[in-house]
Amino acid sequence: KNETMYFNDLLSIWLEKQKQARALSTYVKYRHLADRY
């Protein structure tokens, strides 16, 4: 547990996992929604 971790830090980690596990088109869609909303 990291007491000072920010939500967006975890968001970046999550996106990196999706980049490795998902098709490029799916990752690009997730990245767009994450960055925009």
Full PDB file with SEQRES, HELIX, SHEET, SSBOND, CRYST1, ORIGX, SCALE, CONECT and MASTER records, all heavy atoms in Angstrom:
SEQRES   1 A   37  LYS ASN GLU THR MET TYR PHE ASN ASP LEU LEU SER ILE          
SEQRES   2 A   37  TRP LEU GLU LYS GLN LYS GLN ALA ARG ALA LEU SER THR          
SEQRES   3 A   37  TYR VAL LYS TYR ARG HIS LEU ALA ASP ARG TYR                  
HELIX    1 AA1 PHE A    7  ALA A   21  1                                  15    
HELIX    2 AA2 LEU A   24  ARG A   36  1                                  13    
CRYST1    1.000    1.000    1.000  90.00  90.00  90.00 P 1           1          
ORIGX1      1.000000  0.000000  0.000000        0.00000                         
ORIGX2      0.000000  1.000000  0.000000        0.00000                         
ORIGX3      0.000000  0.000000  1.000000        0.00000                         
SCALE1      1.000000  0.000000  0.000000        0.00000                         
SCALE2      0.000000  1.000000  0.000000        0.00000                         
SCALE3      0.000000  0.000000  1.000000        0.00000                         
ATOM      1  N   LYS A   1       0.824  -1.197   0.000  1.00  0.00           N  
ATOM      2  CA  LYS A   1       0.000   0.000   0.000  1.00  0.00           C  
ATOM      3  C   LYS A   1       0.861   1.250   0.000  1.00  0.00           C  
ATOM      4  O   LYS A   1       1.811   1.373   0.771  1.00  0.00           O  
ATOM      5  CB  LYS A   1      -0.932   0.001   1.212  1.00  0.00           C  
ATOM      6  CG  LYS A   1      -1.952   1.121   1.192  1.00  0.00           C  
ATOM      7  CD  LYS A   1      -2.954   0.954   2.318  1.00  0.00           C  
ATOM      8  CE  LYS A   1      -4.025   2.027   2.262  1.00  0.00           C  
ATOM      9  NZ  LYS A   1      -5.030   1.850   3.331  1.00  0.00           N  
ATOM     10  N   ASN A   2       0.510   2.162  -0.897  1.00  0.00           N  
ATOM     11  CA  ASN A   2       1.190   3.460  -0.984  1.00  0.00           C  
ATOM     12  C   ASN A   2       0.212   4.515  -0.509  1.00  0.00           C  
ATOM     13  O   ASN A   2      -0.770   4.810  -1.185  1.00  0.00           O  
ATOM     14  CB  ASN A   2       1.627   3.720  -2.430  1.00  0.00           C  
ATOM     15  CG  ASN A   2       2.431   5.000  -2.569  1.00  0.00           C  
ATOM     16  OD1 ASN A   2       2.408   5.863  -1.698  1.00  0.00           O  
ATOM     17  ND2 ASN A   2       3.157   5.124  -3.681  1.00  0.00           N  
ATOM     18  N   GLU A   3       0.480   5.098   0.650  1.00  0.00           N  
ATOM     19  CA  GLU A   3      -0.454   6.041   1.269  1.00  0.00           C  
ATOM     20  C   GLU A   3      -0.651   7.302   0.433  1.00  0.00           C  
ATOM     21  O   GLU A   3      -1.659   7.991   0.557  1.00  0.00           O  
ATOM     22  CB  GLU A   3       0.032   6.412   2.674  1.00  0.00           C  
ATOM     23  CG  GLU A   3       0.097   5.249   3.647  1.00  0.00           C  
ATOM     24  CD  GLU A   3      -1.273   4.742   4.047  1.00  0.00           C  
ATOM     25  OE1 GLU A   3      -2.271   5.418   3.744  1.00  0.00           O  
ATOM     26  OE2 GLU A   3      -1.343   3.654   4.646  1.00  0.00           O  
ATOM     27  N   THR A   4       0.320   7.621  -0.400  1.00  0.00           N  
ATOM     28  CA  THR A   4       0.248   8.883  -1.150  1.00  0.00           C  
ATOM     29  C   THR A   4      -0.041   8.669  -2.637  1.00  0.00           C  
ATOM     30  O   THR A   4       0.091   9.600  -3.421  1.00  0.00           O  
ATOM     31  CB  THR A   4       1.566   9.662  -0.999  1.00  0.00           C  
ATOM     32  OG1 THR A   4       2.645   8.866  -1.528  1.00  0.00           O  
ATOM     33  CG2 THR A   4       1.826  10.009   0.458  1.00  0.00           C  
ATOM     34  N   MET A   5      -0.397   7.446  -3.026  1.00  0.00           N  
ATOM     35  CA  MET A   5      -0.654   7.203  -4.455  1.00  0.00           C  
ATOM     36  C   MET A   5      -1.910   7.949  -4.900  1.00  0.00           C  
ATOM     37  O   MET A   5      -2.926   7.945  -4.207  1.00  0.00           O  
ATOM     38  CB  MET A   5      -0.802   5.702  -4.730  1.00  0.00           C  
ATOM     39  CG  MET A   5      -1.150   5.412  -6.201  1.00  0.00           C  
ATOM     40  SD  MET A   5      -1.161   3.647  -6.610  1.00  0.00           S  
ATOM     41  CE  MET A   5       0.591   3.391  -6.905  1.00  0.00           C  
ATOM     42  N   TYR A   6      -1.781   8.582  -6.036  1.00  0.00           N  
ATOM     43  CA  TYR A   6      -2.921   9.306  -6.607  1.00  0.00           C  
ATOM     44  C   TYR A   6      -3.700   8.385  -7.549  1.00  0.00           C  
ATOM     45  O   TYR A   6      -3.156   7.417  -8.095  1.00  0.00           O  
ATOM     46  CB  TYR A   6      -2.429  10.542  -7.372  1.00  0.00           C  
ATOM     47  CG  TYR A   6      -1.952  11.644  -6.456  1.00  0.00           C  
ATOM     48  CD1 TYR A   6      -0.627  11.677  -6.010  1.00  0.00           C  
ATOM     49  CD2 TYR A   6      -2.825  12.636  -6.025  1.00  0.00           C  
ATOM     50  CE1 TYR A   6      -0.189  12.683  -5.163  1.00  0.00           C  
ATOM     51  CE2 TYR A   6      -2.392  13.658  -5.181  1.00  0.00           C  
ATOM     52  CZ  TYR A   6      -1.075  13.667  -4.748  1.00  0.00           C  
ATOM     53  OH  TYR A   6      -0.645  14.656  -3.896  1.00  0.00           O  
ATOM     54  N   PHE A   7      -4.969   8.714  -7.714  1.00  0.00           N  
ATOM     55  CA  PHE A   7      -5.822   7.909  -8.598  1.00  0.00           C  
ATOM     56  C   PHE A   7      -5.222   7.832  -9.993  1.00  0.00           C  
ATOM     57  O   PHE A   7      -5.187   6.760 -10.605  1.00  0.00           O  
ATOM     58  CB  PHE A   7      -7.227   8.520  -8.653  1.00  0.00           C  
ATOM     59  CG  PHE A   7      -8.206   7.689  -9.433  1.00  0.00           C  
ATOM     60  CD1 PHE A   7      -9.027   6.774  -8.797  1.00  0.00           C  
ATOM     61  CD2 PHE A   7      -8.305   7.801 -10.819  1.00  0.00           C  
ATOM     62  CE1 PHE A   7      -9.920   5.992  -9.514  1.00  0.00           C  
ATOM     63  CE2 PHE A   7      -9.196   7.026 -11.545  1.00  0.00           C  
ATOM     64  CZ  PHE A   7     -10.004   6.113 -10.891  1.00  0.00           C  
ATOM     65  N   ASN A   8      -4.728   8.953 -10.507  1.00  0.00           N  
ATOM     66  CA  ASN A   8      -4.192   8.963 -11.865  1.00  0.00           C  
ATOM     67  C   ASN A   8      -2.891   8.177 -11.994  1.00  0.00           C  
ATOM     68  O   ASN A   8      -2.532   7.736 -13.091  1.00  0.00           O  
ATOM     69  CB  ASN A   8      -4.003  10.394 -12.361  1.00  0.00           C  
ATOM     70  CG  ASN A   8      -5.326  11.025 -12.790  1.00  0.00           C  
ATOM     71  OD1 ASN A   8      -6.339  10.349 -12.897  1.00  0.00           O  
ATOM     72  ND2 ASN A   8      -5.319  12.333 -13.023  1.00  0.00           N  
ATOM     73  N   ASP A   9      -2.161   7.997 -10.884  1.00  0.00           N  
ATOM     74  CA  ASP A   9      -0.981   7.127 -10.922  1.00  0.00           C  
ATOM     75  C   ASP A   9      -1.417   5.687 -11.197  1.00  0.00           C  
ATOM     76  O   ASP A   9      -0.807   4.985 -12.017  1.00  0.00           O  
ATOM     77  CB  ASP A   9      -0.226   7.193  -9.594  1.00  0.00           C  
ATOM     78  CG  ASP A   9       0.398   8.554  -9.344  1.00  0.00           C  
ATOM     79  OD1 ASP A   9       0.648   9.265 -10.333  1.00  0.00           O  
ATOM     80  OD2 ASP A   9       0.623   8.895  -8.168  1.00  0.00           O  
ATOM     81  N   LEU A  10      -2.466   5.262 -10.491  1.00  0.00           N  
ATOM     82  CA  LEU A  10      -2.988   3.912 -10.710  1.00  0.00           C  
ATOM     83  C   LEU A  10      -3.607   3.796 -12.096  1.00  0.00           C  
ATOM     84  O   LEU A  10      -3.529   2.743 -12.733  1.00  0.00           O  
ATOM     85  CB  LEU A  10      -4.019   3.568  -9.633  1.00  0.00           C  
ATOM     86  CG  LEU A  10      -4.483   2.109  -9.616  1.00  0.00           C  
ATOM     87  CD1 LEU A  10      -3.316   1.178  -9.303  1.00  0.00           C  
ATOM     88  CD2 LEU A  10      -5.605   1.905  -8.609  1.00  0.00           C  
ATOM     89  N   LEU A  11      -4.224   4.874 -12.573  1.00  0.00           N  
ATOM     90  CA  LEU A  11      -4.790   4.886 -13.922  1.00  0.00           C  
ATOM     91  C   LEU A  11      -3.696   4.610 -14.955  1.00  0.00           C  
ATOM     92  O   LEU A  11      -3.898   3.834 -15.900  1.00  0.00           O  
ATOM     93  CB  LEU A  11      -5.464   6.236 -14.201  1.00  0.00           C  
ATOM     94  CG  LEU A  11      -5.931   6.498 -15.640  1.00  0.00           C  
ATOM     95  CD1 LEU A  11      -6.927   5.439 -16.084  1.00  0.00           C  
ATOM     96  CD2 LEU A  11      -6.543   7.896 -15.746  1.00  0.00           C  
ATOM     97  N   SER A  12      -2.524   5.218 -14.785  1.00  0.00           N  
ATOM     98  CA  SER A  12      -1.409   5.000 -15.713  1.00  0.00           C  
ATOM     99  C   SER A  12      -0.945   3.547 -15.678  1.00  0.00           C  
ATOM    100  O   SER A  12      -0.652   2.949 -16.730  1.00  0.00           O  
ATOM    101  CB  SER A  12      -0.246   5.928 -15.363  1.00  0.00           C  
ATOM    102  OG  SER A  12      -0.620   7.277 -15.505  1.00  0.00           O  
ATOM    103  N   ILE A  13      -0.880   2.970 -14.487  1.00  0.00           N  
ATOM    104  CA  ILE A  13      -0.497   1.562 -14.354  1.00  0.00           C  
ATOM    105  C   ILE A  13      -1.526   0.666 -15.039  1.00  0.00           C  
ATOM    106  O   ILE A  13      -1.181  -0.284 -15.758  1.00  0.00           O  
ATOM    107  CB  ILE A  13      -0.358   1.185 -12.863  1.00  0.00           C  
ATOM    108  CG1 ILE A  13       0.778   1.985 -12.221  1.00  0.00           C  
ATOM    109  CG2 ILE A  13      -0.151  -0.310 -12.696  1.00  0.00           C  
ATOM    110  CD1 ILE A  13       0.869   1.822 -10.716  1.00  0.00           C  
ATOM    111  N   TRP A  14      -2.810   0.979 -14.804  1.00  0.00           N  
ATOM    112  CA  TRP A  14      -3.881   0.189 -15.409  1.00  0.00           C  
ATOM    113  C   TRP A  14      -3.808   0.259 -16.934  1.00  0.00           C  
ATOM    114  O   TRP A  14      -3.953  -0.758 -17.626  1.00  0.00           O  
ATOM    115  CB  TRP A  14      -5.232   0.693 -14.902  1.00  0.00           C  
ATOM    116  CG  TRP A  14      -6.403  -0.070 -15.431  1.00  0.00           C  
ATOM    117  CD1 TRP A  14      -6.933  -1.210 -14.927  1.00  0.00           C  
ATOM    118  CD2 TRP A  14      -7.182   0.258 -16.600  1.00  0.00           C  
ATOM    119  NE1 TRP A  14      -7.992  -1.627 -15.691  1.00  0.00           N  
ATOM    120  CE2 TRP A  14      -8.173  -0.736 -16.730  1.00  0.00           C  
ATOM    121  CE3 TRP A  14      -7.138   1.290 -17.519  1.00  0.00           C  
ATOM    122  CZ2 TRP A  14      -9.104  -0.731 -17.752  1.00  0.00           C  
ATOM    123  CZ3 TRP A  14      -8.063   1.299 -18.554  1.00  0.00           C  
ATOM    124  CH2 TRP A  14      -9.040   0.307 -18.669  1.00  0.00           C  
ATOM    125  N   LEU A  15      -3.580   1.455 -17.480  1.00  0.00           N  
ATOM    126  CA  LEU A  15      -3.497   1.617 -18.929  1.00  0.00           C  
ATOM    127  C   LEU A  15      -2.331   0.829 -19.509  1.00  0.00           C  
ATOM    128  O   LEU A  15      -2.440   0.248 -20.601  1.00  0.00           O  
ATOM    129  CB  LEU A  15      -3.355   3.099 -19.295  1.00  0.00           C  
ATOM    130  CG  LEU A  15      -4.627   3.942 -19.236  1.00  0.00           C  
ATOM    131  CD1 LEU A  15      -4.307   5.422 -19.398  1.00  0.00           C  
ATOM    132  CD2 LEU A  15      -5.630   3.501 -20.314  1.00  0.00           C  
ATOM    133  N   GLU A  16      -1.231   0.795 -18.802  1.00  0.00           N  
ATOM    134  CA  GLU A  16      -0.074   0.042 -19.285  1.00  0.00           C  
ATOM    135  C   GLU A  16      -0.388  -1.452 -19.342  1.00  0.00           C  
ATOM    136  O   GLU A  16       0.007  -2.155 -20.285  1.00  0.00           O  
ATOM    137  CB  GLU A  16       1.129   0.291 -18.373  1.00  0.00           C  
ATOM    138  CG  GLU A  16       2.437  -0.268 -18.904  1.00  0.00           C  
ATOM    139  CD  GLU A  16       2.840   0.322 -20.249  1.00  0.00           C  
ATOM    140  OE1 GLU A  16       2.531   1.514 -20.510  1.00  0.00           O  
ATOM    141  OE2 GLU A  16       3.449  -0.416 -21.054  1.00  0.00           O  
ATOM    142  N   LYS A  17      -1.133  -1.941 -18.360  1.00  0.00           N  
ATOM    143  CA  LYS A  17      -1.553  -3.342 -18.372  1.00  0.00           C  
ATOM    144  C   LYS A  17      -2.474  -3.622 -19.559  1.00  0.00           C  
ATOM    145  O   LYS A  17      -2.377  -4.680 -20.205  1.00  0.00           O  
ATOM    146  CB  LYS A  17      -2.269  -3.694 -17.061  1.00  0.00           C  
ATOM    147  CG  LYS A  17      -1.347  -3.796 -15.841  1.00  0.00           C  
ATOM    148  CD  LYS A  17      -2.157  -4.125 -14.604  1.00  0.00           C  
ATOM    149  CE  LYS A  17      -1.245  -4.320 -13.399  1.00  0.00           C  
ATOM    150  NZ  LYS A  17      -0.443  -5.571 -13.518  1.00  0.00           N  
ATOM    151  N   GLN A  18      -3.386  -2.667 -19.864  1.00  0.00           N  
ATOM    152  CA  GLN A  18      -4.296  -2.839 -20.996  1.00  0.00           C  
ATOM    153  C   GLN A  18      -3.534  -2.822 -22.315  1.00  0.00           C  
ATOM    154  O   GLN A  18      -3.885  -3.544 -23.253  1.00  0.00           O  
ATOM    155  CB  GLN A  18      -5.373  -1.747 -20.994  1.00  0.00           C  
ATOM    156  CG  GLN A  18      -6.192  -1.663 -19.722  1.00  0.00           C  
ATOM    157  CD  GLN A  18      -6.763  -3.003 -19.309  1.00  0.00           C  
ATOM    158  OE1 GLN A  18      -7.405  -3.695 -20.096  1.00  0.00           O  
ATOM    159  NE2 GLN A  18      -6.504  -3.386 -18.057  1.00  0.00           N  
ATOM    160  N   LYS A  19      -2.485  -2.031 -22.381  1.00  0.00           N  
ATOM    161  CA  LYS A  19      -1.675  -1.942 -23.599  1.00  0.00           C  
ATOM    162  C   LYS A  19      -1.034  -3.283 -23.916  1.00  0.00           C  
ATOM    163  O   LYS A  19      -0.886  -3.657 -25.091  1.00  0.00           O  
ATOM    164  CB  LYS A  19      -0.605  -0.866 -23.425  1.00  0.00           C  
ATOM    165  CG  LYS A  19       0.199  -0.575 -24.675  1.00  0.00           C  
ATOM    166  CD  LYS A  19       1.180   0.566 -24.424  1.00  0.00           C  
ATOM    167  CE  LYS A  19       1.957   0.903 -25.684  1.00  0.00           C  
ATOM    168  NZ  LYS A  19       2.918   2.015 -25.452  1.00  0.00           N  
ATOM    169  N   GLN A  20      -0.656  -4.013 -22.864  1.00  0.00           N  
ATOM    170  CA  GLN A  20      -0.012  -5.306 -23.054  1.00  0.00           C  
ATOM    171  C   GLN A  20      -1.028  -6.415 -23.331  1.00  0.00           C  
ATOM    172  O   GLN A  20      -0.704  -7.394 -24.028  1.00  0.00           O  
ATOM    173  CB  GLN A  20       0.798  -5.661 -21.788  1.00  0.00           C  
ATOM    174  CG  GLN A  20       1.867  -4.658 -21.406  1.00  0.00           C  
ATOM    175  CD  GLN A  20       2.898  -4.448 -22.496  1.00  0.00           C  
ATOM    176  OE1 GLN A  20       3.281  -5.402 -23.189  1.00  0.00           O  
ATOM    177  NE2 GLN A  20       3.348  -3.204 -22.665  1.00  0.00           N  
ATOM    178  N   ALA A  21      -2.243  -6.256 -22.804  1.00  0.00           N  
ATOM    179  CA  ALA A  21      -3.209  -7.357 -22.865  1.00  0.00           C  
ATOM    180  C   ALA A  21      -4.262  -7.209 -23.958  1.00  0.00           C  
ATOM    181  O   ALA A  21      -4.873  -8.213 -24.362  1.00  0.00           O  
ATOM    182  CB  ALA A  21      -3.909  -7.494 -21.511  1.00  0.00           C  
ATOM    183  N   ARG A  22      -4.471  -6.000 -24.430  1.00  0.00           N  
ATOM    184  CA  ARG A  22      -5.572  -5.759 -25.372  1.00  0.00           C  
ATOM    185  C   ARG A  22      -5.063  -5.490 -26.779  1.00  0.00           C  
ATOM    186  O   ARG A  22      -3.896  -5.178 -26.998  1.00  0.00           O  
ATOM    187  CB  ARG A  22      -6.398  -4.548 -24.915  1.00  0.00           C  
ATOM    188  CG  ARG A  22      -6.914  -4.642 -23.495  1.00  0.00           C  
ATOM    189  CD  ARG A  22      -8.135  -5.515 -23.391  1.00  0.00           C  
ATOM    190  NE  ARG A  22      -8.674  -5.536 -22.046  1.00  0.00           N  
ATOM    191  CZ  ARG A  22      -9.779  -6.168 -21.691  1.00  0.00           C  
ATOM    192  NH1 ARG A  22     -10.477  -6.833 -22.602  1.00  0.00           N  
ATOM    193  NH2 ARG A  22     -10.198  -6.170 -20.435  1.00  0.00           N  
ATOM    194  N   ALA A  23      -5.999  -5.590 -27.731  1.00  0.00           N  
ATOM    195  CA  ALA A  23      -5.689  -5.186 -29.101  1.00  0.00           C  
ATOM    196  C   ALA A  23      -5.425  -3.685 -29.134  1.00  0.00           C  
ATOM    197  O   ALA A  23      -5.928  -2.931 -28.290  1.00  0.00           O  
ATOM    198  CB  ALA A  23      -6.848  -5.540 -30.025  1.00  0.00           C  
ATOM    199  N   LEU A  24      -4.632  -3.245 -30.105  1.00  0.00           N  
ATOM    200  CA  LEU A  24      -4.250  -1.838 -30.170  1.00  0.00           C  
ATOM    201  C   LEU A  24      -5.473  -0.932 -30.250  1.00  0.00           C  
ATOM    202  O   LEU A  24      -5.532   0.112 -29.588  1.00  0.00           O  
ATOM    203  CB  LEU A  24      -3.343  -1.595 -31.377  1.00  0.00           C  
ATOM    204  CG  LEU A  24      -2.882  -0.146 -31.599  1.00  0.00           C  
ATOM    205  CD1 LEU A  24      -2.094   0.356 -30.390  1.00  0.00           C  
ATOM    206  CD2 LEU A  24      -2.062  -0.035 -32.884  1.00  0.00           C  
ATOM    207  N   SER A  25      -6.474  -1.328 -31.040  1.00  0.00           N  
ATOM    208  CA  SER A  25      -7.667  -0.489 -31.197  1.00  0.00           C  
ATOM    209  C   SER A  25      -8.413  -0.336 -29.880  1.00  0.00           C  
ATOM    210  O   SER A  25      -8.933   0.744 -29.570  1.00  0.00           O  
ATOM    211  CB  SER A  25      -8.595  -1.092 -32.252  1.00  0.00           C  
ATOM    212  OG  SER A  25      -8.981  -2.416 -31.891  1.00  0.00           O  
ATOM    213  N   THR A  26      -8.451  -1.422 -29.086  1.00  0.00           N  
ATOM    214  CA  THR A  26      -9.119  -1.360 -27.783  1.00  0.00           C  
ATOM    215  C   THR A  26      -8.342  -0.464 -26.833  1.00  0.00           C  
ATOM    216  O   THR A  26      -8.928   0.355 -26.119  1.00  0.00           O  
ATOM    217  CB  THR A  26      -9.254  -2.767 -27.180  1.00  0.00           C  
ATOM    218  OG1 THR A  26      -9.985  -3.595 -28.086  1.00  0.00           O  
ATOM    219  CG2 THR A  26      -9.970  -2.717 -25.835  1.00  0.00           C  
ATOM    220  N   TYR A  27      -7.040  -0.604 -26.844  1.00  0.00           N  
ATOM    221  CA  TYR A  27      -6.204   0.234 -25.966  1.00  0.00           C  
ATOM    222  C   TYR A  27      -6.357   1.711 -26.316  1.00  0.00           C  
ATOM    223  O   TYR A  27      -6.486   2.565 -25.427  1.00  0.00           O  
ATOM    224  CB  TYR A  27      -4.735  -0.173 -26.076  1.00  0.00           C  
ATOM    225  CG  TYR A  27      -3.803   0.836 -25.448  1.00  0.00           C  
ATOM    226  CD1 TYR A  27      -3.694   0.950 -24.064  1.00  0.00           C  
ATOM    227  CD2 TYR A  27      -3.050   1.709 -26.242  1.00  0.00           C  
ATOM    228  CE1 TYR A  27      -2.855   1.889 -23.477  1.00  0.00           C  
ATOM    229  CE2 TYR A  27      -2.216   2.654 -25.673  1.00  0.00           C  
ATOM    230  CZ  TYR A  27      -2.129   2.739 -24.291  1.00  0.00           C  
ATOM    231  OH  TYR A  27      -1.306   3.682 -23.721  1.00  0.00           O  
ATOM    232  N   VAL A  28      -6.374   2.028 -27.600  1.00  0.00           N  
ATOM    233  CA  VAL A  28      -6.511   3.428 -28.038  1.00  0.00           C  
ATOM    234  C   VAL A  28      -7.856   3.989 -27.573  1.00  0.00           C  
ATOM    235  O   VAL A  28      -7.936   5.138 -27.121  1.00  0.00           O  
ATOM    236  CB  VAL A  28      -6.377   3.535 -29.571  1.00  0.00           C  
ATOM    237  CG1 VAL A  28      -6.772   4.926 -30.049  1.00  0.00           C  
ATOM    238  CG2 VAL A  28      -4.954   3.214 -29.992  1.00  0.00           C  
ATOM    239  N   LYS A  29      -8.889   3.180 -27.653  1.00  0.00           N  
ATOM    240  CA  LYS A  29     -10.213   3.613 -27.186  1.00  0.00           C  
ATOM    241  C   LYS A  29     -10.183   3.887 -25.682  1.00  0.00           C  
ATOM    242  O   LYS A  29     -10.663   4.933 -25.217  1.00  0.00           O  
ATOM    243  CB  LYS A  29     -11.260   2.554 -27.506  1.00  0.00           C  
ATOM    244  CG  LYS A  29     -12.649   2.865 -26.961  1.00  0.00           C  
ATOM    245  CD  LYS A  29     -13.618   1.726 -27.236  1.00  0.00           C  
ATOM    246  CE  LYS A  29     -14.989   2.018 -26.635  1.00  0.00           C  
ATOM    247  NZ  LYS A  29     -15.937   0.895 -26.863  1.00  0.00           N  
ATOM    248  N   TYR A  30      -9.611   2.948 -24.903  1.00  0.00           N  
ATOM    249  CA  TYR A  30      -9.524   3.123 -23.457  1.00  0.00           C  
ATOM    250  C   TYR A  30      -8.696   4.359 -23.108  1.00  0.00           C  
ATOM    251  O   TYR A  30      -9.050   5.117 -22.199  1.00  0.00           O  
ATOM    252  CB  TYR A  30      -8.899   1.887 -22.805  1.00  0.00           C  
ATOM    253  CG  TYR A  30      -9.774   0.660 -22.785  1.00  0.00           C  
ATOM    254  CD1 TYR A  30      -9.295  -0.553 -22.288  1.00  0.00           C  
ATOM    255  CD2 TYR A  30     -11.088   0.693 -23.272  1.00  0.00           C  
ATOM    256  CE1 TYR A  30     -10.098  -1.690 -22.256  1.00  0.00           C  
ATOM    257  CE2 TYR A  30     -11.889  -0.434 -23.247  1.00  0.00           C  
ATOM    258  CZ  TYR A  30     -11.384  -1.625 -22.742  1.00  0.00           C  
ATOM    259  OH  TYR A  30     -12.180  -2.747 -22.712  1.00  0.00           O  
ATOM    260  N   ARG A  31      -7.607   4.545 -23.818  1.00  0.00           N  
ATOM    261  CA  ARG A  31      -6.724   5.681 -23.554  1.00  0.00           C  
ATOM    262  C   ARG A  31      -7.457   7.003 -23.802  1.00  0.00           C  
ATOM    263  O   ARG A  31      -7.338   7.956 -23.027  1.00  0.00           O  
ATOM    264  CB  ARG A  31      -5.488   5.599 -24.460  1.00  0.00           C  
ATOM    265  CG  ARG A  31      -4.495   6.726 -24.252  1.00  0.00           C  
ATOM    266  CD  ARG A  31      -3.593   6.405 -23.099  1.00  0.00           C  
ATOM    267  NE  ARG A  31      -2.913   7.558 -22.597  1.00  0.00           N  
ATOM    268  CZ  ARG A  31      -1.773   7.492 -21.921  1.00  0.00           C  
ATOM    269  NH1 ARG A  31      -1.196   6.323 -21.707  1.00  0.00           N  
ATOM    270  NH2 ARG A  31      -1.198   8.574 -21.460  1.00  0.00           N  
ATOM    271  N   HIS A  32      -8.226   7.035 -24.888  1.00  0.00           N  
ATOM    272  CA  HIS A  32      -8.978   8.254 -25.211  1.00  0.00           C  
ATOM    273  C   HIS A  32     -10.000   8.575 -24.121  1.00  0.00           C  
ATOM    274  O   HIS A  32     -10.102   9.725 -23.672  1.00  0.00           O  
ATOM    275  CB  HIS A  32      -9.697   8.078 -26.550  1.00  0.00           C  
ATOM    276  CG  HIS A  32     -10.696   9.155 -26.849  1.00  0.00           C  
ATOM    277  ND1 HIS A  32     -10.338  10.435 -27.195  1.00  0.00           N  
ATOM    278  CD2 HIS A  32     -12.064   9.121 -26.813  1.00  0.00           C  
ATOM    279  CE1 HIS A  32     -11.422  11.160 -27.373  1.00  0.00           C  
ATOM    280  NE2 HIS A  32     -12.487  10.391 -27.150  1.00  0.00           N  
ATOM    281  N   LEU A  33     -10.746   7.567 -23.693  1.00  0.00           N  
ATOM    282  CA  LEU A  33     -11.757   7.789 -22.650  1.00  0.00           C  
ATOM    283  C   LEU A  33     -11.108   8.201 -21.329  1.00  0.00           C  
ATOM    284  O   LEU A  33     -11.626   9.070 -20.615  1.00  0.00           O  
ATOM    285  CB  LEU A  33     -12.593   6.519 -22.452  1.00  0.00           C  
ATOM    286  CG  LEU A  33     -13.477   6.099 -23.636  1.00  0.00           C  
ATOM    287  CD1 LEU A  33     -14.173   4.777 -23.340  1.00  0.00           C  
ATOM    288  CD2 LEU A  33     -14.493   7.176 -23.970  1.00  0.00           C  
ATOM    289  N   ALA A  34      -9.959   7.582 -21.022  1.00  0.00           N  
ATOM    290  CA  ALA A  34      -9.256   7.921 -19.779  1.00  0.00           C  
ATOM    291  C   ALA A  34      -8.742   9.355 -19.819  1.00  0.00           C  
ATOM    292  O   ALA A  34      -8.906  10.115 -18.847  1.00  0.00           O  
ATOM    293  CB  ALA A  34      -8.101   6.948 -19.554  1.00  0.00           C  
ATOM    294  N   ASP A  35      -8.136   9.736 -20.938  1.00  0.00           N  
ATOM    295  CA  ASP A  35      -7.563  11.092 -21.041  1.00  0.00           C  
ATOM    296  C   ASP A  35      -8.649  12.162 -21.091  1.00  0.00           C  
ATOM    297  O   ASP A  35      -8.459  13.271 -20.573  1.00  0.00           O  
ATOM    298  CB  ASP A  35      -6.688  11.202 -22.290  1.00  0.00           C  
ATOM    299  CG  ASP A  35      -5.407  10.390 -22.173  1.00  0.00           C  
ATOM    300  OD1 ASP A  35      -5.074   9.988 -21.048  1.00  0.00           O  
ATOM    301  OD2 ASP A  35      -4.751  10.159 -23.215  1.00  0.00           O  
ATOM    302  N   ARG A  36      -9.779  11.824 -21.702  1.00  0.00           N  
ATOM    303  CA  ARG A  36     -10.826  12.828 -21.928  1.00  0.00           C  
ATOM    304  C   ARG A  36     -11.744  12.986 -20.721  1.00  0.00           C  
ATOM    305  O   ARG A  36     -12.159  14.110 -20.396  1.00  0.00           O  
ATOM    306  CB  ARG A  36     -11.639  12.416 -23.160  1.00  0.00           C  
ATOM    307  CG  ARG A  36     -12.734  13.396 -23.567  1.00  0.00           C  
ATOM    308  CD  ARG A  36     -12.193  14.552 -24.355  1.00  0.00           C  
ATOM    309  NE  ARG A  36     -13.238  15.477 -24.718  1.00  0.00           N  
ATOM    310  CZ  ARG A  36     -13.948  15.396 -25.845  1.00  0.00           C  
ATOM    311  NH1 ARG A  36     -13.713  14.414 -26.701  1.00  0.00           N  
ATOM    312  NH2 ARG A  36     -14.869  16.286 -26.115  1.00  0.00           N  
ATOM    313  N   TYR A  37     -12.083  11.881 -20.055  1.00  0.00           N  
ATOM    314  CA  TYR A  37     -13.133  11.958 -19.044  1.00  0.00           C  
ATOM    315  C   TYR A  37     -12.703  11.538 -17.638  1.00  0.00           C  
ATOM    316  O   TYR A  37     -13.233  12.070 -16.665  1.00  0.00           O  
ATOM    317  CB  TYR A  37     -14.324  11.077 -19.476  1.00  0.00           C  
ATOM    318  CG  TYR A  37     -14.884  11.447 -20.818  1.00  0.00           C  
ATOM    319  CD1 TYR A  37     -14.631  10.652 -21.940  1.00  0.00           C  
ATOM    320  CD2 TYR A  37     -15.626  12.609 -20.986  1.00  0.00           C  
ATOM    321  CE1 TYR A  37     -15.136  10.999 -23.190  1.00  0.00           C  
ATOM    322  CE2 TYR A  37     -16.132  12.967 -22.224  1.00  0.00           C  
ATOM    323  CZ  TYR A  37     -15.877  12.156 -23.326  1.00  0.00           C  
ATOM    324  OH  TYR A  37     -16.364  12.512 -24.546  1.00  0.00           O  
TER     325      TYR A  37                                                      
MASTER        0    0    0    2    0    0    0    6  324    1    0    3          
END                                                                             
